[in-house]
Protein backbone atom coordinates (compact mmCIF):
# COMPACT_ATOMS: atom_id res chain seq x y z
CA MET A 1 102.96 242.03 171.98
CA ASN A 2 105.35 240.09 174.37
CA ASP A 3 107.06 236.91 173.29
CA CYS A 4 107.40 233.56 175.65
CA ARG A 5 111.26 233.56 175.27
CA THR A 6 111.62 230.17 177.18
CA CYS A 7 109.23 228.76 174.97
CA ALA A 8 110.74 230.11 171.68
CA ASP A 9 113.86 228.56 173.24
CA SER A 10 112.31 225.25 173.74
CA ARG A 11 111.11 225.23 169.72
CA ARG A 12 114.51 224.92 168.10
CA LEU A 13 115.01 221.34 166.70
CA PRO A 14 118.12 219.02 166.46
CA PRO A 15 119.24 219.62 163.32
CA THR A 16 120.22 215.59 163.11
CA GLN A 17 117.10 214.63 163.77
CA SER A 18 114.83 212.82 161.19
CA PRO A 19 111.57 214.69 159.93
CA ILE A 20 109.35 212.15 161.49
CA HIS A 21 111.03 213.01 164.94
CA ASN A 22 111.01 216.67 164.36
CA ARG A 23 107.57 216.70 163.56
CA PHE A 24 106.90 214.67 167.03
CA ALA A 25 108.84 216.99 168.62
CA LEU A 26 107.58 220.29 167.04
CA LEU A 27 103.87 219.32 167.99
CA ILE A 28 104.95 218.59 171.93
CA SER A 29 107.14 222.37 171.77
CA ASP A 30 104.05 223.84 169.93
CA LEU A 31 101.28 222.49 172.68
CA ALA A 32 103.69 224.07 175.30
CA CYS A 33 104.20 227.20 173.57
CA GLY A 34 99.90 227.38 173.34
CA LYS A 35 99.86 227.52 177.15
CA ALA A 36 102.82 229.66 177.83
CA LYS A 37 101.38 232.49 175.90
CA ILE A 38 97.97 231.46 177.37
CA SER A 39 99.37 231.95 180.75
CA TRP A 40 101.56 234.89 179.18
CA HIS A 41 98.26 237.41 178.58
CA GLU A 42 96.44 235.77 181.65
CA ARG A 43 98.87 237.06 183.78
CA CYS A 44 100.95 240.18 184.42
CA SER A 45 104.07 238.42 185.79
CA ILE A 46 105.55 235.04 185.71
CA ASP A 47 105.47 233.53 189.28
CA SER A 48 107.78 230.80 190.16
CA GLU A 49 105.58 228.11 190.12
CA VAL A 50 104.66 228.51 186.57
CA LYS A 51 108.47 229.03 185.79
CA ARG A 52 109.34 225.01 187.60
CA LYS A 53 106.30 223.47 185.55
CA HIS A 54 107.52 225.26 182.41
CA GLU A 55 111.42 224.08 182.93
CA MET A 56 109.77 220.93 183.60
CA PHE A 57 107.93 220.36 180.62
CA ILE A 58 111.40 221.45 178.72
CA ARG A 59 113.34 218.66 179.78
CA THR A 60 110.58 216.16 180.03
CA ARG A 61 110.75 216.63 175.59
CA SER A 62 113.87 215.98 175.55
CA VAL A 63 113.21 212.73 177.26
CA LEU A 64 110.20 212.14 175.45
CA VAL A 65 112.25 212.69 171.84
CA GLY A 66 114.58 210.29 172.85
CA VAL A 67 111.83 207.87 173.95
CA ALA A 68 110.47 208.32 170.08
CA LEU A 69 114.34 207.69 168.55
CA LEU A 70 114.02 204.39 170.95
CA LEU A 71 110.62 203.22 169.61
CA VAL A 72 111.79 204.06 165.93
CA THR A 73 114.92 202.11 166.53
CA SER A 74 113.39 199.03 168.58
CA ARG A 75 111.02 198.73 165.44
CA VAL A 76 113.72 198.79 162.75
CA TRP A 77 115.56 196.02 164.92
CA ALA A 78 111.83 194.00 165.15
CA GLY A 79 111.85 194.09 161.43
CA GLN A 80 115.07 193.28 161.04
CA SER A 81 114.32 189.92 163.17
CA THR A 82 111.38 189.39 161.89
CA SER A 83 112.54 189.46 158.06
CA THR A 84 114.67 186.58 158.96
CA SER A 85 111.78 184.57 159.43
CA VAL A 86 109.72 185.50 156.82
CA GLU A 87 110.62 184.44 153.11
CA GLU A 88 111.70 187.79 151.11
CA LEU A 89 110.59 187.16 147.63
CA THR A 90 112.03 189.11 144.44
CA LEU A 91 110.54 189.33 141.15
CA ALA A 92 112.87 187.06 139.19
CA HIS A 93 111.86 184.40 141.81
CA ALA A 94 107.83 185.33 141.61
CA VAL A 95 107.78 184.90 137.91
CA GLU A 96 109.73 182.14 138.21
CA LEU A 97 107.39 180.32 140.46
CA ALA A 98 104.32 181.89 138.50
CA LEU A 99 105.35 180.38 135.64
CA LYS A 100 106.01 176.76 137.07
CA ASP A 101 103.18 176.00 139.03
CA ASN A 102 100.49 179.04 137.61
CA ARG A 103 97.28 177.04 137.12
CA GLN A 104 96.34 178.69 134.10
CA ILE A 105 99.58 177.55 132.64
CA GLN A 106 99.70 174.05 133.56
CA VAL A 107 96.20 173.86 131.64
CA ALA A 108 97.47 175.42 128.65
CA ARG A 109 100.86 173.47 128.73
CA LEU A 110 98.58 170.22 129.08
CA GLU A 111 96.97 171.51 126.16
CA VAL A 112 99.84 171.38 124.11
CA GLU A 113 101.00 167.75 125.50
CA LYS A 114 97.02 166.74 123.89
CA PHE A 115 98.50 167.25 120.26
CA THR A 116 101.01 164.80 120.99
CA ASP A 117 98.66 162.39 121.60
CA ARG A 118 96.31 163.44 118.78
CA LEU A 119 99.54 162.93 116.34
CA ALA A 120 100.52 159.52 117.71
CA VAL A 121 96.79 158.48 116.72
CA SER A 122 97.06 159.98 113.59
CA LYS A 123 99.91 157.92 112.21
CA THR A 124 98.67 154.95 113.61
CA HIS A 125 95.76 155.22 110.61
CA ARG A 126 98.96 154.86 108.30
CA LEU A 127 99.98 151.19 109.58
CA PRO A 128 98.10 148.21 108.54
CA GLN A 129 94.46 148.03 109.56
CA PHE A 130 93.42 144.96 111.44
CA GLU A 131 89.57 143.90 111.54
CA PHE A 132 87.87 140.46 113.59
CA SER A 133 84.38 140.04 114.16
CA ALA A 134 82.80 136.53 115.53
CA LEU A 135 78.92 135.89 115.32
CA ALA A 136 77.66 133.05 116.98
CA ALA A 137 74.11 132.98 115.80
CA GLU A 138 71.00 130.28 115.28
CA LEU A 139 68.93 130.38 111.87
CA VAL A 140 65.31 131.86 112.80
CA ASN A 141 64.12 130.28 109.27
CA LYS A 142 64.98 126.84 107.66
CA VAL A 143 67.18 127.64 104.66
CA HIS A 144 66.30 125.73 101.27
CA PHE A 145 68.80 125.36 99.06
CA ASP A 146 66.89 124.59 95.30
CA PHE A 147 69.59 122.88 92.82
CA LYS A 148 68.32 122.33 89.20
CA GLN A 149 69.74 119.18 87.30
CA GLY A 150 73.24 119.50 86.57
CA ASP A 151 73.95 122.88 88.12
CA LEU A 152 76.91 121.59 89.63
CA GLY A 153 78.49 120.08 86.57
CA THR A 154 78.43 117.04 84.53
CA LEU A 155 80.69 113.99 85.32
CA PRO A 156 81.90 112.07 83.03
CA GLY A 157 80.03 108.36 83.11
CA LEU A 158 78.05 109.94 86.19
CA GLY A 159 76.20 112.44 83.83
CA PRO A 160 74.65 115.70 85.64
CA VAL A 161 75.23 116.51 89.28
CA PRO A 162 72.79 116.49 90.36
CA GLU A 163 70.75 113.94 88.57
CA LYS A 164 67.38 115.79 88.82
CA ASP A 165 66.10 118.91 90.47
CA THR A 166 66.97 118.69 94.72
CA SER A 167 66.22 120.93 97.65
CA VAL A 168 67.94 120.85 100.38
CA THR A 169 66.92 122.28 103.82
CA ALA A 170 69.77 123.18 106.67
CA PRO A 171 68.60 122.70 110.03
CA ARG A 172 68.23 125.77 112.61
CA ARG A 173 70.94 125.12 115.20
CA PRO A 174 73.63 127.48 116.19
CA ALA A 175 76.50 128.59 114.09
CA LEU A 176 79.38 130.61 114.29
CA PHE A 177 80.67 133.16 111.58
CA LEU A 178 84.03 134.45 111.73
CA ASN A 179 85.58 137.06 109.63
CA GLY A 180 88.91 138.91 109.68
CA SER A 181 90.84 140.96 107.48
CA VAL A 182 94.41 142.69 107.18
CA PHE A 183 94.19 145.90 104.61
CA GLN A 184 97.43 148.33 104.07
CA PRO A 185 96.61 151.69 102.68
CA ILE A 186 98.30 152.92 99.91
CA THR A 187 96.73 155.73 98.07
CA GLN A 188 95.60 157.06 101.78
CA GLN A 189 98.94 157.82 102.45
CA TYR A 190 99.28 161.22 100.95
CA ARG A 191 95.95 162.11 102.97
CA LEU A 192 96.67 161.07 105.94
CA SER A 193 100.65 162.52 105.68
CA LEU A 194 98.60 166.05 105.53
CA ILE A 195 96.84 165.16 108.66
CA ASP A 196 99.59 164.49 110.35
CA ARG A 197 100.89 167.93 109.56
CA LYS A 198 98.19 169.86 110.32
CA ILE A 199 97.89 168.37 113.75
CA GLU A 200 101.51 169.43 114.32
CA VAL A 201 100.66 172.75 113.14
CA GLY A 202 97.74 172.53 116.03
CA ARG A 203 100.65 172.14 118.03
CA GLN A 204 102.30 174.82 116.97
CA ILE A 205 99.38 177.45 117.84
CA ALA A 206 98.58 175.22 121.05
CA ASN A 207 102.58 176.14 122.12
CA GLN A 208 102.19 179.59 121.07
CA GLN A 209 99.00 180.18 123.27
CA LEU A 210 100.87 178.63 126.27
CA ARG A 211 103.66 181.46 125.39
CA GLY A 212 101.48 184.05 125.23
CA LYS A 213 99.65 182.96 128.50
CA GLN A 214 103.18 183.00 129.87
CA LEU A 215 103.45 186.19 128.86
CA GLU A 216 100.35 187.33 130.18
CA ILE A 217 100.78 185.59 133.58
CA ALA A 218 104.43 186.98 134.22
CA ASN A 219 102.87 190.60 133.21
CA ASN A 220 99.82 190.16 135.76
CA VAL A 221 102.93 188.89 138.41
CA LYS A 222 104.93 192.23 138.01
CA LYS A 223 101.93 194.64 138.14
CA ALA A 224 101.46 193.01 141.50
CA TYR A 225 104.52 192.84 143.14
CA TYR A 226 104.78 196.39 142.33
CA SER A 227 101.03 197.11 143.56
CA LEU A 228 102.23 195.03 146.77
CA LEU A 229 105.94 196.89 147.10
CA GLN A 230 104.29 200.41 147.11
CA SER A 231 101.72 199.01 149.85
CA GLN A 232 104.16 197.31 151.90
CA SER A 233 106.29 200.71 151.75
CA ALA A 234 103.47 202.49 152.85
CA LEU A 235 102.53 200.75 155.25
CA GLN A 236 105.80 200.58 157.01
CA SER A 237 105.57 204.73 157.00
CA VAL A 238 102.06 204.45 158.38
CA GLU A 239 103.10 202.20 161.24
CA GLU A 240 106.10 204.33 162.32
CA GLU A 241 104.02 207.57 162.67
CA LEU A 242 101.26 205.75 164.44
CA LYS A 243 103.68 205.00 167.34
CA LEU A 244 104.79 208.19 167.62
CA TYR A 245 101.13 209.64 167.43
CA GLN A 246 100.01 207.17 170.22
CA GLU A 247 103.00 208.39 172.74
CA LEU A 248 102.23 211.75 171.96
CA ASP A 249 98.56 210.97 172.81
CA ARG A 250 100.10 209.03 176.18
CA VAL A 251 101.50 212.18 177.08
CA THR A 252 99.44 214.86 176.05
CA ASP A 253 96.50 212.73 178.23
CA GLN A 254 99.36 213.11 181.16
CA TYR A 255 99.65 217.20 180.65
CA LEU A 256 95.95 217.36 180.22
CA LEU A 257 95.95 216.05 184.03
CA GLN A 258 98.40 218.61 184.67
CA GLN A 259 96.69 221.35 183.25
CA VAL A 260 99.65 221.97 181.06
CA VAL A 261 97.88 221.73 177.18
CA LEU A 262 94.26 222.31 176.39
CA LYS A 263 91.87 219.82 175.98
CA ALA A 264 90.91 220.85 172.26
CA ASP A 265 94.75 220.11 172.17
CA SER A 266 94.53 216.25 173.24
CA LEU A 267 91.45 216.00 171.08
CA GLN A 268 93.19 217.06 168.68
CA VAL A 269 96.13 214.28 168.92
CA LYS A 270 93.71 211.99 169.49
CA MET A 271 91.79 212.55 166.30
CA HIS A 272 95.44 212.04 164.35
CA VAL A 273 95.77 208.95 165.91
CA GLN A 274 92.61 207.67 164.56
CA LYS A 275 93.05 208.55 161.19
CA VAL A 276 96.52 207.25 161.40
CA VAL A 277 94.85 204.12 162.57
CA TYR A 278 92.71 204.07 159.64
CA GLU A 279 94.96 204.18 157.31
CA ALA A 280 97.29 201.63 158.87
CA ILE A 281 94.09 199.33 158.37
CA THR A 282 93.43 199.99 155.43
CA LEU A 283 97.15 199.25 154.08
CA ARG A 284 97.21 196.34 156.11
CA ASP A 285 93.86 195.00 154.08
CA GLN A 286 95.07 195.64 151.11
CA LEU A 287 98.45 194.21 151.42
CA THR A 288 96.82 190.94 152.68
CA ASP A 289 94.45 191.12 149.49
CA LEU A 290 97.62 191.96 147.39
CA LYS A 291 99.53 189.10 148.72
CA GLU A 292 96.33 186.19 148.07
CA LYS A 293 95.99 187.51 144.83
CA LEU A 294 100.01 186.99 144.20
CA ASN A 295 99.97 183.65 145.83
CA THR A 296 97.05 182.75 143.55
CA LEU A 297 99.17 183.81 140.63
CA LEU A 298 102.04 181.94 141.73
CA GLY A 299 100.09 178.54 142.49
CA ARG A 300 100.53 178.19 145.92
CA ASP A 301 98.45 178.81 149.12
CA ILE A 302 96.90 182.07 149.24
CA ASP A 303 98.17 182.17 153.08
CA THR A 304 101.85 181.65 152.39
CA GLU A 305 103.32 184.46 154.21
CA PHE A 306 106.10 186.78 152.36
CA ARG A 307 107.36 190.05 152.20
CA VAL A 308 108.65 191.39 148.62
CA ALA A 309 112.40 192.54 147.91
CA LEU A 310 113.39 196.65 147.26
CA MET A 311 113.54 197.28 143.74
CA PRO A 312 116.21 199.17 142.47
CA GLU A 313 116.17 202.37 141.43
CA PRO A 314 115.37 202.49 137.54
CA THR A 315 117.88 203.39 135.01
CA ARG A 316 117.47 205.40 131.64
CA PHE A 317 115.53 202.62 129.75
CA GLU A 318 116.45 203.68 126.14
CA VAL A 319 114.44 201.81 123.41
CA ASP A 320 114.20 202.58 119.66
CA LEU A 321 110.30 202.22 118.17
CA THR A 322 111.49 200.76 115.25
CA ALA A 323 113.56 198.07 116.51
CA ALA A 324 110.71 197.21 119.41
CA ARG A 325 108.83 197.04 116.48
CA GLU A 326 110.63 194.52 114.65
CA GLU A 327 111.06 192.79 117.08
CA ALA A 328 107.64 192.28 118.46
CA VAL A 329 106.63 191.36 114.70
CA ALA A 330 109.20 188.51 114.81
CA GLU A 331 108.10 187.48 118.70
CA ARG A 332 104.62 188.02 119.41
CA PRO A 333 102.95 184.70 120.00
CA GLU A 334 99.75 186.58 118.48
CA LEU A 335 101.61 187.00 115.22
CA ARG A 336 102.89 183.21 115.49
CA GLU A 337 99.71 182.12 116.00
CA ALA A 338 98.01 183.81 113.23
CA LYS A 339 100.80 182.40 110.55
CA LEU A 340 100.02 179.07 111.87
CA LYS A 341 96.41 179.34 111.70
CA VAL A 342 96.76 180.59 107.60
CA ASP A 343 99.18 177.03 107.40
CA ALA A 344 96.71 175.04 109.26
CA ALA A 345 93.53 175.96 106.66
CA GLU A 346 95.55 175.76 103.79
CA TYR A 347 96.23 171.93 105.11
CA ASP A 348 92.49 171.73 105.83
CA ARG A 349 91.84 172.92 101.53
CA ARG A 350 94.39 170.26 100.61
CA ILE A 351 93.64 167.79 102.53
CA LYS A 352 89.65 168.24 101.36
CA LYS A 353 90.88 168.29 97.75
CA SER A 354 92.63 165.06 98.50
CA GLU A 355 89.51 163.07 99.04
CA TYR A 356 89.06 163.33 95.04
CA ILE A 357 92.02 160.06 94.64
CA PRO A 358 90.21 156.83 95.38
CA ASP A 359 91.28 154.61 98.84
CA LEU A 360 93.13 151.68 97.32
CA SER A 361 94.41 148.89 99.92
CA VAL A 362 96.06 145.67 99.74
CA GLY A 363 95.80 143.09 101.71
CA VAL A 364 93.99 139.56 102.85
CA ARG A 365 90.56 138.57 103.89
CA TYR A 366 89.64 135.22 105.81
CA ALA A 367 85.80 134.25 106.64
CA SER A 368 85.05 130.83 108.50
CA ILE A 369 81.56 129.51 108.91
CA GLN A 370 81.12 126.84 111.23
CA ASN A 371 77.93 124.31 111.26
CA VAL A 372 75.99 125.59 108.37
CA LYS A 373 76.01 122.80 105.88
CA LEU A 374 76.52 123.03 102.01
CA LEU A 375 78.34 126.39 102.98
CA PRO A 376 82.68 126.31 102.93
CA ASP A 377 83.94 126.20 106.27
CA ASN A 378 87.07 128.62 105.43
CA ILE A 379 87.36 130.77 102.32
CA LEU A 380 90.91 132.98 102.18
CA GLN A 381 91.03 135.80 100.19
CA ALA A 382 94.32 138.17 98.68
CA GLY A 383 94.35 141.22 96.70
CA PHE A 384 93.08 144.81 96.23
CA LEU A 385 90.51 146.95 97.73
CA LEU A 386 89.29 150.10 95.84
CA THR A 387 86.56 152.41 97.58
CA TRP A 388 85.50 155.38 95.69
CA GLU A 389 82.66 157.59 95.15
CA PRO A 390 83.08 159.09 91.85
CA PHE A 391 79.52 161.09 91.59
CA ASP A 392 78.93 163.19 95.17
CA TRP A 393 76.77 165.96 93.34
CA GLY A 394 79.13 168.74 93.86
CA ARG A 395 79.59 168.25 97.74
CA LYS A 396 83.48 167.90 97.80
CA LYS A 397 83.98 170.87 95.19
CA ARG A 398 81.17 173.05 98.09
CA GLU A 399 83.92 171.64 100.95
CA MET A 400 86.80 172.61 99.45
CA ASP A 401 85.60 176.30 98.58
CA GLU A 402 84.63 176.46 101.59
CA GLN A 403 88.41 175.92 102.85
CA VAL A 404 89.72 178.22 100.47
CA LYS A 405 87.50 181.05 101.59
CA THR A 406 88.68 180.53 105.62
CA ALA A 407 92.50 180.30 104.47
CA ASP A 408 91.37 183.88 102.52
CA GLN A 409 89.91 184.80 106.03
CA SER A 410 93.38 183.65 108.09
CA ARG A 411 95.65 186.02 105.85
CA ALA A 412 93.22 189.10 106.52
CA GLY A 413 93.11 188.19 110.03
CA LEU A 414 97.00 187.79 110.31
CA ARG A 415 97.00 191.33 108.82
CA GLU A 416 94.86 192.92 110.84
CA THR A 417 96.74 191.32 113.96
CA ARG A 418 100.17 192.65 112.60
CA ASP A 419 98.54 196.07 112.68
CA LYS A 420 97.08 195.72 116.20
CA VAL A 421 100.21 194.55 117.45
CA LEU A 422 102.78 197.30 115.95
CA VAL A 423 99.87 199.68 117.18
CA GLU A 424 100.05 198.44 120.92
CA VAL A 425 103.70 198.62 120.75
CA GLY A 426 103.63 202.49 119.87
CA ASP A 427 101.34 203.00 122.68
CA GLN A 428 103.30 201.18 125.30
CA PHE A 429 106.12 202.91 124.19
CA ARG A 430 104.90 206.41 124.61
CA LYS A 431 103.58 205.27 127.93
CA LEU A 432 106.92 204.43 129.11
CA ARG A 433 108.62 207.44 128.04
CA GLN A 434 105.72 209.52 129.76
CA SER A 435 106.14 207.44 133.09
CA ARG A 436 110.10 208.05 132.74
CA GLN A 437 109.32 211.96 132.60
CA LEU A 438 107.18 212.00 135.19
CA LEU A 439 109.39 209.95 137.65
CA VAL A 440 112.10 212.49 136.98
CA THR A 441 109.48 215.37 137.85
CA ALA A 442 108.39 213.66 140.65
CA GLN A 443 112.00 212.82 141.86
CA LEU A 444 112.78 216.49 141.21
CA ALA A 445 109.45 217.74 143.46
CA GLN A 446 110.62 215.49 146.20
CA ASP A 447 113.95 216.75 146.38
CA THR A 448 112.78 219.94 146.46
CA ALA A 449 110.44 219.15 149.47
CA ARG A 450 113.12 217.75 150.93
CA GLU A 451 115.25 220.69 150.63
CA ASN A 452 112.43 223.08 151.88
CA VAL A 453 111.95 221.42 155.32
CA ARG A 454 115.66 221.75 155.73
CA VAL A 455 115.63 225.01 155.39
CA LEU A 456 112.97 225.61 157.68
CA ASN A 457 113.69 223.79 160.10
CA ALA A 458 117.16 225.68 160.33
CA ARG A 459 114.98 228.85 159.66
CA TYR A 460 113.01 227.37 163.01
CA ALA A 461 115.88 226.77 165.14
CA ALA A 462 116.84 230.44 164.17
CA GLN A 463 113.31 231.69 164.97
CA GLU A 464 112.70 232.96 161.70
CA SER A 465 109.89 231.26 160.74
CA LEU A 466 106.82 229.39 162.04
CA VAL A 467 106.17 226.39 163.45
CA LYS A 468 102.86 226.10 160.89
CA ASP A 469 105.47 226.87 158.36
CA VAL A 470 107.26 223.94 159.23
CA LEU A 471 104.61 221.54 159.52
CA GLN A 472 103.22 222.86 156.35
CA ALA A 473 106.40 221.70 154.45
CA GLN A 474 106.68 218.38 156.16
CA SER A 475 103.00 217.67 154.70
CA SER A 476 104.27 218.78 151.06
CA MET A 477 107.63 216.51 151.54
CA ALA A 478 104.95 213.62 152.59
CA GLU A 479 102.52 214.36 149.40
CA ALA A 480 105.95 214.43 147.15
CA ASP A 481 107.11 211.04 148.43
CA HIS A 482 103.70 209.84 147.72
CA GLN A 483 103.89 211.24 144.27
CA TYR A 484 106.86 209.71 143.80
CA GLN A 485 105.94 206.42 145.06
CA GLN A 486 102.72 206.95 141.83
CA ALA A 487 105.33 207.85 139.41
CA LEU A 488 107.64 204.88 140.06
CA LEU A 489 104.94 202.57 140.35
CA SER A 490 104.01 204.04 136.82
CA PHE A 491 106.81 203.42 135.32
CA TRP A 492 107.50 199.97 136.24
CA THR A 493 104.04 198.99 135.06
CA ALA A 494 104.61 200.97 132.28
CA LYS A 495 108.16 198.97 131.62
CA ALA A 496 106.34 195.75 131.84
CA ASP A 497 103.82 196.38 129.32
CA LEU A 498 106.11 197.51 127.01
CA GLU A 499 108.30 193.87 127.33
CA LYS A 500 104.71 192.08 127.25
CA ALA A 501 104.00 194.09 123.94
CA ILE A 502 107.18 193.71 122.54
CA GLY A 503 106.79 189.99 123.43
CA SER A 504 110.45 189.74 125.55
CA THR A 505 110.84 186.45 127.02
CA PRO A 506 110.00 186.70 131.07
């Protein structure tokens, strides 16, 4: 079977063009080649008109390749011009914004500040306690005071007072009763100091919960950032491919009118255009969703526009599992919180035991009764006030036994939390090691696919391979690039999870 020598020459690729541009040129040359073959089998000889159209097509193909290069270059320029007006958000800055403005972290931070107020309130109970009351009232019933002869004593020369039994009635009229006291707790100071220390432990627990929330939010920000970076890179690649396919579709429609290509070829190109359009729409929507989620994590308006900065290529990440576990035991907020809960339970037990001590206070009490006859107008007392409950039917002992069991539960919870942390560190360590190896494999596969494309392009230029082999190699290279991006995302995610498991400061 005879070959179209002119068509074969037209399918040679410039060696300096990128794979996307080569793909674009190959598609156009393949369409031309298909038409040339049909014309060869249908005709016994090539007339001058067909040769003229074929030569015109070859010249047009070179022009189209130049147009494609111009489109890609203009897109890069446009991306550079718009990048100056859109914020470039680095990962470090994103984590910094989240730790400062994230709403969940703000709620946890306010919880820590509440314990400061509670401690200040508790300290006031150790100071002198002032009490004052006033009652303005009127007697509902008349009050009778009965005095027997001599109840008020016997005076020399006067005899008993009163001389005989006497009854005095207080009239019903408005009266004023005033009471005030000042007492300084003494024995209660021990129990109050235990309460203060327990509140301080509670504040430390809330502080560890805040730190745990910070680690969680920082980890979520890193994962969202990596996913956003991958989607942004994929969208740029798809948009570049869409530009080329749209230009190819326009040119194919013109050649269809000139009867240079078949209608099936035009429909195939249109199908590829719509497929790439769908991919672009999906990636663009995915990018918008990820930006809104990241803005929410950063605690700012979800419509804030930004672009993420490229991450550097991962370097070798050496971590010793034993050292990582030791650091996790020392730094994980969950372990610190579990230890503090043991201390809090112990303070509860000591506070309950201190209730056996009687409450003793020293102070002054004053009472004033106005507008009531036969009662003293002012009474002032100074001394000690003792309050004690000697018999409680075993209530205090049972409550203290409950606190002892609570402390034992806290110790068991500490051991359980420690084991979980060690298991989690080991699991994340192994996942990071696996993802690192997967990344190395994916990178080698990517390099292999690129080398295959280079070799097949050179062989095709020397007419030693078919166009379908070149296209298949380019498809394999695109798949290898995708697998590398997935492996890269898996590595950075595993690294972020290990940092969270260790409890490293974000």
